[in-house]
Amino acid sequence: MSEVYISVDIEASGPIPGAYSMLSLGACKVDGTDENFYIELRPTSEAFVPEAMEVIGRSLEDFAGKGSSPAEAMKDFHDWVLRVSSGNDPVFVGFNAAFDWSFINWYFYTYLGDNPFGIGGIDIKSFYMGMTGCDWGDTRSSRIPDQFKGQSLHTHNALDDAIEQAEMFGLMLRHVRSNK
């Protein structure tokens, strides 16, 4: 089977799933960002970290009023992942994937009992570190050279950031493959 790389980004009310809520989810194919997915979710708890909500720029109440149920959101995302993968293996890709992955995995198993990505994914920061041999501190997006950044900006909108990540990973992957 071939692999389909899918860039995923989430915005959350705090640092860990279960205690805090995933509020929005954006995703796109790395090799075709026009094939994308975005959904907002109702909070699963009233807990939040003020700095997290400040970054998002919206309130829990706003998501509670406009968001989809977590079960519906995860079902829609699951179906989208399978559709764009077209029978190939979907591979989760994230920038600081440990954070985004923890929410995606927890929500998939809590609401659907299954994660179409399996048990892992690719962390762009780790990929960059392996590619360049740099220190971990140099994997922050502000320190990654422009040659590995696309045209999209980091806005803290989950879809915008998924597209930004897809562009970044695509450039890095092409660089590594062309230098084999």
C-alpha atoms as a PDB file:
ATOM      1  CA  MET A   1       0.000   0.000   0.000  1.00  0.00           C
ATOM      2  CA  SER A   2       1.047   3.582  -0.600  1.00  0.00           C
ATOM      3  CA  GLU A   3       1.071   6.203   2.108  1.00  0.00           C
ATOM      4  CA  VAL A   4      -0.992   9.388   2.108  1.00  0.00           C
ATOM      5  CA  TYR A   5       0.482  12.087   4.320  1.00  0.00           C
ATOM      6  CA  ILE A   6      -2.171  14.140   6.098  1.00  0.00           C
ATOM      7  CA  SER A   7      -1.217  17.300   7.971  1.00  0.00           C
ATOM      8  CA  VAL A   8      -3.336  17.766  11.101  1.00  0.00           C
ATOM      9  CA  ASP A   9      -3.586  20.698  13.492  1.00  0.00           C
ATOM     10  CA  ILE A  10      -5.890  21.288  16.430  1.00  0.00           C
ATOM     11  CA  GLU A  11      -6.701  24.133  18.779  1.00  0.00           C
ATOM     12  CA  ALA A  12      -7.528  23.215  22.368  1.00  0.00           C
ATOM     13  CA  SER A  13      -8.549  24.850  25.633  1.00  0.00           C
ATOM     14  CA  GLY A  14      -5.554  23.396  27.468  1.00  0.00           C
ATOM     15  CA  PRO A  15      -2.595  20.998  27.356  1.00  0.00           C
ATOM     16  CA  ILE A  16      -4.154  17.539  27.739  1.00  0.00           C
ATOM     17  CA  PRO A  17      -7.185  15.703  26.329  1.00  0.00           C
ATOM     18  CA  GLY A  18      -9.876  14.607  28.729  1.00  0.00           C
ATOM     19  CA  ALA A  19      -9.325  17.449  31.167  1.00  0.00           C
ATOM     20  CA  TYR A  20      -9.452  20.056  28.388  1.00  0.00           C
ATOM     21  CA  SER A  21     -11.321  20.280  25.090  1.00  0.00           C
ATOM     22  CA  MET A  22     -10.292  20.096  21.460  1.00  0.00           C
ATOM     23  CA  LEU A  23     -12.105  23.075  19.967  1.00  0.00           C
ATOM     24  CA  SER A  24     -11.167  22.944  16.291  1.00  0.00           C
ATOM     25  CA  LEU A  25      -9.516  20.506  13.937  1.00  0.00           C
ATOM     26  CA  GLY A  26      -7.995  21.205  10.546  1.00  0.00           C
ATOM     27  CA  ALA A  27      -6.374  18.789   8.135  1.00  0.00           C
ATOM     28  CA  CYS A  28      -5.206  18.579   4.539  1.00  0.00           C
ATOM     29  CA  LYS A  29      -3.288  16.264   2.280  1.00  0.00           C
ATOM     30  CA  VAL A  30       0.382  17.172   2.199  1.00  0.00           C
ATOM     31  CA  ASP A  31       0.524  16.743  -1.574  1.00  0.00           C
ATOM     32  CA  GLY A  32      -2.745  18.570  -2.210  1.00  0.00           C
ATOM     33  CA  THR A  33      -3.775  21.134   0.384  1.00  0.00           C
ATOM     34  CA  ASP A  34      -6.962  21.900  -1.543  1.00  0.00           C
ATOM     35  CA  GLU A  35      -8.235  18.556  -0.215  1.00  0.00           C
ATOM     36  CA  ASN A  36      -8.890  19.727   3.311  1.00  0.00           C
ATOM     37  CA  PHE A  37     -11.109  19.369   6.341  1.00  0.00           C
ATOM     38  CA  TYR A  38     -12.139  21.802   9.072  1.00  0.00           C
ATOM     39  CA  ILE A  39     -14.571  21.461  11.951  1.00  0.00           C
ATOM     40  CA  GLU A  40     -15.242  23.157  15.267  1.00  0.00           C
ATOM     41  CA  LEU A  41     -16.261  21.125  18.297  1.00  0.00           C
ATOM     42  CA  ARG A  42     -18.343  21.772  21.361  1.00  0.00           C
ATOM     43  CA  PRO A  43     -16.241  21.721  24.531  1.00  0.00           C
ATOM     44  CA  THR A  44     -16.295  18.533  26.588  1.00  0.00           C
ATOM     45  CA  SER A  45     -15.493  20.377  29.817  1.00  0.00           C
ATOM     46  CA  GLU A  46     -15.561  23.895  31.196  1.00  0.00           C
ATOM     47  CA  ALA A  47     -11.846  23.790  32.004  1.00  0.00           C
ATOM     48  CA  PHE A  48      -9.529  26.094  30.094  1.00  0.00           C
ATOM     49  CA  VAL A  49      -6.137  27.722  30.305  1.00  0.00           C
ATOM     50  CA  PRO A  50      -6.586  31.483  29.778  1.00  0.00           C
ATOM     51  CA  GLU A  51      -3.466  31.705  27.573  1.00  0.00           C
ATOM     52  CA  ALA A  52      -4.796  28.936  25.308  1.00  0.00           C
ATOM     53  CA  MET A  53      -8.080  30.746  24.785  1.00  0.00           C
ATOM     54  CA  GLU A  54      -6.219  34.005  24.214  1.00  0.00           C
ATOM     55  CA  VAL A  55      -4.226  32.376  21.403  1.00  0.00           C
ATOM     56  CA  ILE A  56      -7.440  31.063  19.818  1.00  0.00           C
ATOM     57  CA  GLY A  57      -9.134  34.430  20.216  1.00  0.00           C
ATOM     58  CA  ARG A  58     -12.557  33.006  21.041  1.00  0.00           C
ATOM     59  CA  SER A  59     -14.433  31.840  24.124  1.00  0.00           C
ATOM     60  CA  LEU A  60     -15.580  28.385  25.176  1.00  0.00           C
ATOM     61  CA  GLU A  61     -19.130  29.703  24.985  1.00  0.00           C
ATOM     62  CA  ASP A  62     -18.627  30.561  21.320  1.00  0.00           C
ATOM     63  CA  PHE A  63     -17.534  26.997  20.543  1.00  0.00           C
ATOM     64  CA  ALA A  64     -20.351  25.600  22.692  1.00  0.00           C
ATOM     65  CA  GLY A  65     -22.864  27.532  20.609  1.00  0.00           C
ATOM     66  CA  LYS A  66     -21.369  26.908  17.168  1.00  0.00           C
ATOM     67  CA  GLY A  67     -19.452  23.633  17.442  1.00  0.00           C
ATOM     68  CA  SER A  68     -20.428  20.125  16.422  1.00  0.00           C
ATOM     69  CA  SER A  69     -20.723  17.326  18.938  1.00  0.00           C
ATOM     70  CA  PRO A  70     -17.346  15.614  19.402  1.00  0.00           C
ATOM     71  CA  ALA A  71     -18.803  12.281  18.245  1.00  0.00           C
ATOM     72  CA  GLU A  72     -20.162  13.831  15.039  1.00  0.00           C
ATOM     73  CA  ALA A  73     -16.934  15.749  14.410  1.00  0.00           C
ATOM     74  CA  MET A  74     -14.754  12.669  14.803  1.00  0.00           C
ATOM     75  CA  LYS A  75     -17.037  10.574  12.607  1.00  0.00           C
ATOM     76  CA  ASP A  76     -16.863  13.244   9.887  1.00  0.00           C
ATOM     77  CA  PHE A  77     -13.072  13.455  10.219  1.00  0.00           C
ATOM     78  CA  HIS A  78     -12.713   9.659  10.180  1.00  0.00           C
ATOM     79  CA  ASP A  79     -14.791   9.450   6.992  1.00  0.00           C
ATOM     80  CA  TRP A  80     -12.782  12.274   5.379  1.00  0.00           C
ATOM     81  CA  VAL A  81      -9.444  10.595   6.223  1.00  0.00           C
ATOM     82  CA  LEU A  82     -10.601   7.325   4.657  1.00  0.00           C
ATOM     83  CA  ARG A  83     -11.998   9.085   1.584  1.00  0.00           C
ATOM     84  CA  VAL A  84      -8.835  11.109   0.809  1.00  0.00           C
ATOM     85  CA  SER A  85      -6.634   8.105   1.538  1.00  0.00           C
ATOM     86  CA  SER A  86      -8.438   6.140  -1.184  1.00  0.00           C
ATOM     87  CA  GLY A  87      -7.513   2.748   0.255  1.00  0.00           C
ATOM     88  CA  ASN A  88      -3.913   3.764   1.027  1.00  0.00           C
ATOM     89  CA  ASP A  89      -2.380   4.121   4.491  1.00  0.00           C
ATOM     90  CA  PRO A  90      -3.142   7.536   6.026  1.00  0.00           C
ATOM     91  CA  VAL A  91      -0.131   8.950   7.903  1.00  0.00           C
ATOM     92  CA  PHE A  92      -0.638  11.643  10.541  1.00  0.00           C
ATOM     93  CA  VAL A  93       1.754  14.603  10.151  1.00  0.00           C
ATOM     94  CA  GLY A  94       2.001  17.423  12.699  1.00  0.00           C
ATOM     95  CA  PHE A  95       4.254  20.188  13.905  1.00  0.00           C
ATOM     96  CA  ASN A  96       4.790  19.274  17.524  1.00  0.00           C
ATOM     97  CA  ALA A  97       2.779  16.175  16.737  1.00  0.00           C
ATOM     98  CA  ALA A  98       2.859  14.944  20.329  1.00  0.00           C
ATOM     99  CA  PHE A  99       0.362  17.650  21.304  1.00  0.00           C
ATOM    100  CA  ASP A 100      -2.029  17.369  18.351  1.00  0.00           C
ATOM    101  CA  TRP A 101      -1.729  13.574  18.217  1.00  0.00           C
ATOM    102  CA  SER A 102      -2.711  13.191  21.869  1.00  0.00           C
ATOM    103  CA  PHE A 103      -6.015  14.990  21.282  1.00  0.00           C
ATOM    104  CA  ILE A 104      -6.762  13.294  17.952  1.00  0.00           C
ATOM    105  CA  ASN A 105      -6.020   9.836  19.336  1.00  0.00           C
ATOM    106  CA  TRP A 106      -7.993  10.423  22.556  1.00  0.00           C
ATOM    107  CA  TYR A 107     -11.015  11.817  20.688  1.00  0.00           C
ATOM    108  CA  PHE A 108     -10.975   9.029  18.082  1.00  0.00           C
ATOM    109  CA  TYR A 109     -10.860   6.285  20.720  1.00  0.00           C
ATOM    110  CA  THR A 110     -13.275   8.011  23.084  1.00  0.00           C
ATOM    111  CA  TYR A 111     -15.941   8.679  20.453  1.00  0.00           C
ATOM    112  CA  LEU A 112     -15.341   6.038  17.757  1.00  0.00           C
ATOM    113  CA  GLY A 113     -13.167   3.334  19.303  1.00  0.00           C
ATOM    114  CA  ASP A 114     -10.798   3.492  16.326  1.00  0.00           C
ATOM    115  CA  ASN A 115      -8.086   5.742  14.910  1.00  0.00           C
ATOM    116  CA  PRO A 116      -7.587   5.521  11.127  1.00  0.00           C
ATOM    117  CA  PHE A 117      -3.986   6.735  11.559  1.00  0.00           C
ATOM    118  CA  GLY A 118      -3.076   3.696  13.648  1.00  0.00           C
ATOM    119  CA  ILE A 119      -0.715   4.199  16.560  1.00  0.00           C
ATOM    120  CA  GLY A 120       1.684   6.900  15.386  1.00  0.00           C
ATOM    121  CA  GLY A 121       2.585   9.681  13.049  1.00  0.00           C
ATOM    122  CA  ILE A 122       5.339  11.968  11.818  1.00  0.00           C
ATOM    123  CA  ASP A 123       6.492  14.924  13.879  1.00  0.00           C
ATOM    124  CA  ILE A 124       7.838  17.655  11.567  1.00  0.00           C
ATOM    125  CA  LYS A 125      10.106  19.023  14.301  1.00  0.00           C
ATOM    126  CA  SER A 126      11.723  15.605  14.778  1.00  0.00           C
ATOM    127  CA  PHE A 127      11.932  15.099  11.015  1.00  0.00           C
ATOM    128  CA  TYR A 128      13.746  18.436  10.668  1.00  0.00           C
ATOM    129  CA  MET A 129      16.125  17.580  13.514  1.00  0.00           C
ATOM    130  CA  GLY A 130      16.970  14.252  11.872  1.00  0.00           C
ATOM    131  CA  MET A 131      17.328  15.895   8.482  1.00  0.00           C
ATOM    132  CA  THR A 132      19.738  18.601   9.656  1.00  0.00           C
ATOM    133  CA  GLY A 133      21.323  17.232  12.817  1.00  0.00           C
ATOM    134  CA  CYS A 134      20.342  20.433  14.651  1.00  0.00           C
ATOM    135  CA  ASP A 135      19.584  20.724  18.349  1.00  0.00           C
ATOM    136  CA  TRP A 136      15.971  20.395  19.540  1.00  0.00           C
ATOM    137  CA  GLY A 137      15.796  24.126  20.327  1.00  0.00           C
ATOM    138  CA  ASP A 138      16.474  24.846  16.665  1.00  0.00           C
ATOM    139  CA  THR A 139      13.335  23.016  15.568  1.00  0.00           C
ATOM    140  CA  ARG A 140      11.073  25.917  16.537  1.00  0.00           C
ATOM    141  CA  SER A 141       9.339  27.307  13.461  1.00  0.00           C
ATOM    142  CA  SER A 142      11.017  30.690  13.971  1.00  0.00           C
ATOM    143  CA  ARG A 143      14.415  29.008  13.540  1.00  0.00           C
ATOM    144  CA  ILE A 144      13.623  26.854  10.521  1.00  0.00           C
ATOM    145  CA  PRO A 145      15.052  28.432   7.348  1.00  0.00           C
ATOM    146  CA  ASP A 146      12.696  30.011   4.829  1.00  0.00           C
ATOM    147  CA  GLN A 147      13.645  27.395   2.226  1.00  0.00           C
ATOM    148  CA  PHE A 148      11.521  24.947   4.244  1.00  0.00           C
ATOM    149  CA  LYS A 149       8.565  27.262   4.744  1.00  0.00           C
ATOM    150  CA  GLY A 150       5.694  27.630   2.327  1.00  0.00           C
ATOM    151  CA  GLN A 151       3.550  30.631   1.537  1.00  0.00           C
ATOM    152  CA  SER A 152       0.972  30.102   4.269  1.00  0.00           C
ATOM    153  CA  LEU A 153       1.089  31.916   7.588  1.00  0.00           C
ATOM    154  CA  HIS A 154       0.621  30.571  11.098  1.00  0.00           C
ATOM    155  CA  THR A 155      -2.715  32.048  12.262  1.00  0.00           C
ATOM    156  CA  HIS A 156      -3.870  29.656  15.042  1.00  0.00           C
ATOM    157  CA  ASN A 157      -6.763  28.646  12.824  1.00  0.00           C
ATOM    158  CA  ALA A 158      -6.506  24.859  12.700  1.00  0.00           C
ATOM    159  CA  LEU A 159      -6.967  24.616   8.911  1.00  0.00           C
ATOM    160  CA  ASP A 160      -4.584  27.479   8.126  1.00  0.00           C
ATOM    161  CA  ASP A 161      -1.956  25.911  10.353  1.00  0.00           C
ATOM    162  CA  ALA A 162      -2.487  22.427   8.879  1.00  0.00           C
ATOM    163  CA  ILE A 163      -1.869  23.904   5.425  1.00  0.00           C
ATOM    164  CA  GLU A 164       1.233  25.744   6.668  1.00  0.00           C
ATOM    165  CA  GLN A 165       2.544  22.481   8.148  1.00  0.00           C
ATOM    166  CA  ALA A 166       1.783  20.554   4.957  1.00  0.00           C
ATOM    167  CA  GLU A 167       3.781  23.037   2.902  1.00  0.00           C
ATOM    168  CA  MET A 168       6.695  22.830   5.356  1.00  0.00           C
ATOM    169  CA  PHE A 169       6.739  19.033   5.481  1.00  0.00           C
ATOM    170  CA  GLY A 170       6.383  18.770   1.702  1.00  0.00           C
ATOM    171  CA  LEU A 171       9.432  21.013   1.178  1.00  0.00           C
ATOM    172  CA  MET A 172      11.481  19.048   3.700  1.00  0.00           C
ATOM    173  CA  LEU A 173      10.460  15.693   2.262  1.00  0.00           C
ATOM    174  CA  ARG A 174      11.276  16.769  -1.308  1.00  0.00           C
ATOM    175  CA  HIS A 175      14.651  18.095  -0.115  1.00  0.00           C
ATOM    176  CA  VAL A 176      15.547  14.820   1.595  1.00  0.00           C
ATOM    177  CA  ARG A 177      14.377  12.685  -1.330  1.00  0.00           C
ATOM    178  CA  SER A 178      16.260  14.796  -3.895  1.00  0.00           C
ATOM    179  CA  ASN A 179      19.507  14.475  -1.915  1.00  0.00           C
ATOM    180  CA  LYS A 180      19.471  10.654  -1.610  1.00  0.00           C
END
